[in-house]
Amino acid sequence: MNIQFSFVPWRPFYARKNDAEIKSWLQRVAKASEAAFKGGMGNYPPASAPGAWPNIRTGNLRGSIRTVVTNDSMTIGSNMHYSRWLREGTSKMVRRKMSDNALKAGMSAGRLGHWVEWSR
């Protein structure tokens, strides 16, 4: 008795880009990222702990957090001059959680974080 196997290849697979779905996902990521950023901020005093979200002193940083969504990208950030010091840290202060952390949280909440990655 002989057993014979044959393989018939599948037809070619073509990925189709759905611009509306991509933009919808980016908008969900933007909303979740902004919520993570603003929701993680505590009240001053005391000053925020190293590696934690910044605490709110005046509300200017929290009020300046914005997201911008295009057809193929999403940006979150603040235009406050001191936000860079919070994000990168200084010789006298350890960095705090900022936009990059918020973006990671937003991507996770957007349920496709394992398929995409963020870049600066």
C-alpha atoms as a PDB file:
ATOM      1  CA  MET A   1       0.000   0.000   0.000  1.00  0.00           C
ATOM      2  CA  ASN A   2       1.421   3.351  -1.053  1.00  0.00           C
ATOM      3  CA  ILE A   3       0.441   6.690   0.434  1.00  0.00           C
ATOM      4  CA  GLN A   4       0.844   9.698  -1.770  1.00  0.00           C
ATOM      5  CA  PHE A   5       0.701  13.349  -0.655  1.00  0.00           C
ATOM      6  CA  SER A   6       0.258  16.280  -2.943  1.00  0.00           C
ATOM      7  CA  PHE A   7       0.216  19.954  -2.105  1.00  0.00           C
ATOM      8  CA  VAL A   8      -1.760  22.515  -4.020  1.00  0.00           C
ATOM      9  CA  PRO A   9      -0.490  26.021  -3.174  1.00  0.00           C
ATOM     10  CA  TRP A  10      -2.875  28.700  -2.060  1.00  0.00           C
ATOM     11  CA  ARG A  11      -3.612  31.567  -4.315  1.00  0.00           C
ATOM     12  CA  PRO A  12      -1.501  34.698  -3.724  1.00  0.00           C
ATOM     13  CA  PHE A  13      -2.362  36.715  -0.629  1.00  0.00           C
ATOM     14  CA  TYR A  14      -2.757  40.443  -1.063  1.00  0.00           C
ATOM     15  CA  ALA A  15      -2.980  42.856   1.841  1.00  0.00           C
ATOM     16  CA  ARG A  16      -5.381  45.721   1.373  1.00  0.00           C
ATOM     17  CA  LYS A  17      -4.797  49.024   3.125  1.00  0.00           C
ATOM     18  CA  ASN A  18      -7.939  50.411   4.691  1.00  0.00           C
ATOM     19  CA  ASP A  19      -7.257  54.113   5.304  1.00  0.00           C
ATOM     20  CA  ALA A  20     -10.431  54.674   7.303  1.00  0.00           C
ATOM     21  CA  GLU A  21      -9.638  51.777   9.660  1.00  0.00           C
ATOM     22  CA  ILE A  22      -6.044  52.963  10.126  1.00  0.00           C
ATOM     23  CA  LYS A  23      -7.160  56.497  10.967  1.00  0.00           C
ATOM     24  CA  SER A  24      -9.843  55.183  13.318  1.00  0.00           C
ATOM     25  CA  TRP A  25      -7.237  53.096  15.156  1.00  0.00           C
ATOM     26  CA  LEU A  26      -4.857  56.081  15.348  1.00  0.00           C
ATOM     27  CA  GLN A  27      -7.651  58.189  16.830  1.00  0.00           C
ATOM     28  CA  ARG A  28      -8.317  55.516  19.479  1.00  0.00           C
ATOM     29  CA  VAL A  29      -4.597  55.394  20.282  1.00  0.00           C
ATOM     30  CA  ALA A  30      -4.495  59.215  20.531  1.00  0.00           C
ATOM     31  CA  LYS A  31      -7.470  59.324  22.894  1.00  0.00           C
ATOM     32  CA  ALA A  32      -6.065  56.521  25.078  1.00  0.00           C
ATOM     33  CA  SER A  33      -2.580  58.107  25.090  1.00  0.00           C
ATOM     34  CA  GLU A  34      -3.901  61.488  26.171  1.00  0.00           C
ATOM     35  CA  ALA A  35      -6.051  59.853  28.856  1.00  0.00           C
ATOM     36  CA  ALA A  36      -3.033  57.904  30.166  1.00  0.00           C
ATOM     37  CA  PHE A  37      -0.875  61.034  30.269  1.00  0.00           C
ATOM     38  CA  LYS A  38      -3.430  63.289  31.956  1.00  0.00           C
ATOM     39  CA  GLY A  39      -4.840  60.541  34.165  1.00  0.00           C
ATOM     40  CA  GLY A  40      -1.429  59.568  35.498  1.00  0.00           C
ATOM     41  CA  MET A  41      -0.611  63.053  36.752  1.00  0.00           C
ATOM     42  CA  GLY A  42      -1.052  63.625  40.484  1.00  0.00           C
ATOM     43  CA  ASN A  43      -1.356  66.802  42.530  1.00  0.00           C
ATOM     44  CA  TYR A  44       1.452  68.893  43.963  1.00  0.00           C
ATOM     45  CA  PRO A  45       2.724  68.855  46.700  1.00  0.00           C
ATOM     46  CA  PRO A  46       4.687  66.679  46.826  1.00  0.00           C
ATOM     47  CA  ALA A  47       6.857  66.708  43.718  1.00  0.00           C
ATOM     48  CA  SER A  48       6.446  63.641  41.537  1.00  0.00           C
ATOM     49  CA  ALA A  49       8.642  60.650  42.200  1.00  0.00           C
ATOM     50  CA  PRO A  50      11.459  59.772  39.778  1.00  0.00           C
ATOM     51  CA  GLY A  51      10.042  57.793  36.868  1.00  0.00           C
ATOM     52  CA  ALA A  52       6.425  58.705  37.719  1.00  0.00           C
ATOM     53  CA  TRP A  53       4.048  60.971  35.856  1.00  0.00           C
ATOM     54  CA  PRO A  54       4.648  64.647  36.685  1.00  0.00           C
ATOM     55  CA  ASN A  55       2.447  66.115  39.403  1.00  0.00           C
ATOM     56  CA  ILE A  56       0.279  69.145  38.648  1.00  0.00           C
ATOM     57  CA  ARG A  57       1.425  72.487  40.074  1.00  0.00           C
ATOM     58  CA  THR A  58      -0.265  75.071  37.842  1.00  0.00           C
ATOM     59  CA  GLY A  59      -2.082  72.884  35.323  1.00  0.00           C
ATOM     60  CA  ASN A  60      -0.201  74.441  32.397  1.00  0.00           C
ATOM     61  CA  LEU A  61       1.547  71.208  31.402  1.00  0.00           C
ATOM     62  CA  ARG A  62      -1.638  69.171  31.654  1.00  0.00           C
ATOM     63  CA  GLY A  63      -3.551  71.785  29.669  1.00  0.00           C
ATOM     64  CA  SER A  64      -0.918  71.861  26.928  1.00  0.00           C
ATOM     65  CA  ILE A  65      -1.004  68.115  26.167  1.00  0.00           C
ATOM     66  CA  ARG A  66      -2.244  67.664  22.616  1.00  0.00           C
ATOM     67  CA  THR A  67      -2.574  64.884  20.084  1.00  0.00           C
ATOM     68  CA  VAL A  68      -2.489  65.284  16.325  1.00  0.00           C
ATOM     69  CA  VAL A  69      -3.815  62.506  14.083  1.00  0.00           C
ATOM     70  CA  THR A  70      -3.246  62.296  10.326  1.00  0.00           C
ATOM     71  CA  ASN A  71      -4.129  59.484   7.933  1.00  0.00           C
ATOM     72  CA  ASP A  72      -0.973  57.577   8.834  1.00  0.00           C
ATOM     73  CA  SER A  73       0.500  59.028  12.040  1.00  0.00           C
ATOM     74  CA  MET A  74      -0.310  60.138  15.562  1.00  0.00           C
ATOM     75  CA  THR A  75       1.680  62.585  17.688  1.00  0.00           C
ATOM     76  CA  ILE A  76       1.272  63.386  21.365  1.00  0.00           C
ATOM     77  CA  GLY A  77       3.181  66.045  23.239  1.00  0.00           C
ATOM     78  CA  SER A  78       3.331  69.365  25.027  1.00  0.00           C
ATOM     79  CA  ASN A  79       4.652  72.738  23.934  1.00  0.00           C
ATOM     80  CA  MET A  80       5.666  73.776  27.459  1.00  0.00           C
ATOM     81  CA  HIS A  81       9.350  74.703  27.513  1.00  0.00           C
ATOM     82  CA  TYR A  82      10.052  72.560  30.583  1.00  0.00           C
ATOM     83  CA  SER A  83       8.436  69.394  29.218  1.00  0.00           C
ATOM     84  CA  ARG A  84      11.779  68.399  27.676  1.00  0.00           C
ATOM     85  CA  TRP A  85      13.452  68.526  31.106  1.00  0.00           C
ATOM     86  CA  LEU A  86      10.730  66.309  32.532  1.00  0.00           C
ATOM     87  CA  ARG A  87      11.042  63.832  29.668  1.00  0.00           C
ATOM     88  CA  GLU A  88      14.831  63.652  29.512  1.00  0.00           C
ATOM     89  CA  GLY A  89      15.746  64.546  33.084  1.00  0.00           C
ATOM     90  CA  THR A  90      18.513  66.923  34.127  1.00  0.00           C
ATOM     91  CA  SER A  91      21.675  66.689  36.200  1.00  0.00           C
ATOM     92  CA  LYS A  92      19.507  67.383  39.275  1.00  0.00           C
ATOM     93  CA  MET A  93      16.323  65.508  38.366  1.00  0.00           C
ATOM     94  CA  VAL A  94      15.545  62.008  37.085  1.00  0.00           C
ATOM     95  CA  ARG A  95      13.242  61.832  34.059  1.00  0.00           C
ATOM     96  CA  ARG A  96       9.492  61.550  34.501  1.00  0.00           C
ATOM     97  CA  LYS A  97       6.961  59.648  32.429  1.00  0.00           C
ATOM     98  CA  MET A  98       5.983  61.759  29.452  1.00  0.00           C
ATOM     99  CA  SER A  99       4.658  61.456  25.891  1.00  0.00           C
ATOM    100  CA  ASP A 100       6.633  58.333  24.956  1.00  0.00           C
ATOM    101  CA  ASN A 101       5.179  56.477  27.948  1.00  0.00           C
ATOM    102  CA  ALA A 102       1.697  57.790  27.133  1.00  0.00           C
ATOM    103  CA  LEU A 103       2.038  56.569  23.541  1.00  0.00           C
ATOM    104  CA  LYS A 104       3.026  53.074  24.690  1.00  0.00           C
ATOM    105  CA  ALA A 105       0.018  53.001  27.024  1.00  0.00           C
ATOM    106  CA  GLY A 106      -2.260  54.245  24.242  1.00  0.00           C
ATOM    107  CA  MET A 107      -1.015  51.625  21.791  1.00  0.00           C
ATOM    108  CA  SER A 108      -1.615  48.898  24.339  1.00  0.00           C
ATOM    109  CA  ALA A 109      -5.148  50.194  24.924  1.00  0.00           C
ATOM    110  CA  GLY A 110      -5.662  50.389  21.145  1.00  0.00           C
ATOM    111  CA  ARG A 111      -5.195  46.589  21.031  1.00  0.00           C
ATOM    112  CA  LEU A 112      -2.660  46.521  18.196  1.00  0.00           C
ATOM    113  CA  GLY A 113       0.471  47.423  20.122  1.00  0.00           C
ATOM    114  CA  HIS A 114       2.158  44.129  19.270  1.00  0.00           C
ATOM    115  CA  TRP A 115       1.805  44.814  15.522  1.00  0.00           C
ATOM    116  CA  VAL A 116       3.212  48.311  15.466  1.00  0.00           C
ATOM    117  CA  GLU A 117       5.894  50.282  17.209  1.00  0.00           C
ATOM    118  CA  TRP A 118       6.395  53.946  17.989  1.00  0.00           C
ATOM    119  CA  SER A 119       9.274  56.065  16.813  1.00  0.00           C
ATOM    120  CA  ARG A 120      10.493  59.595  17.420  1.00  0.00           C
END
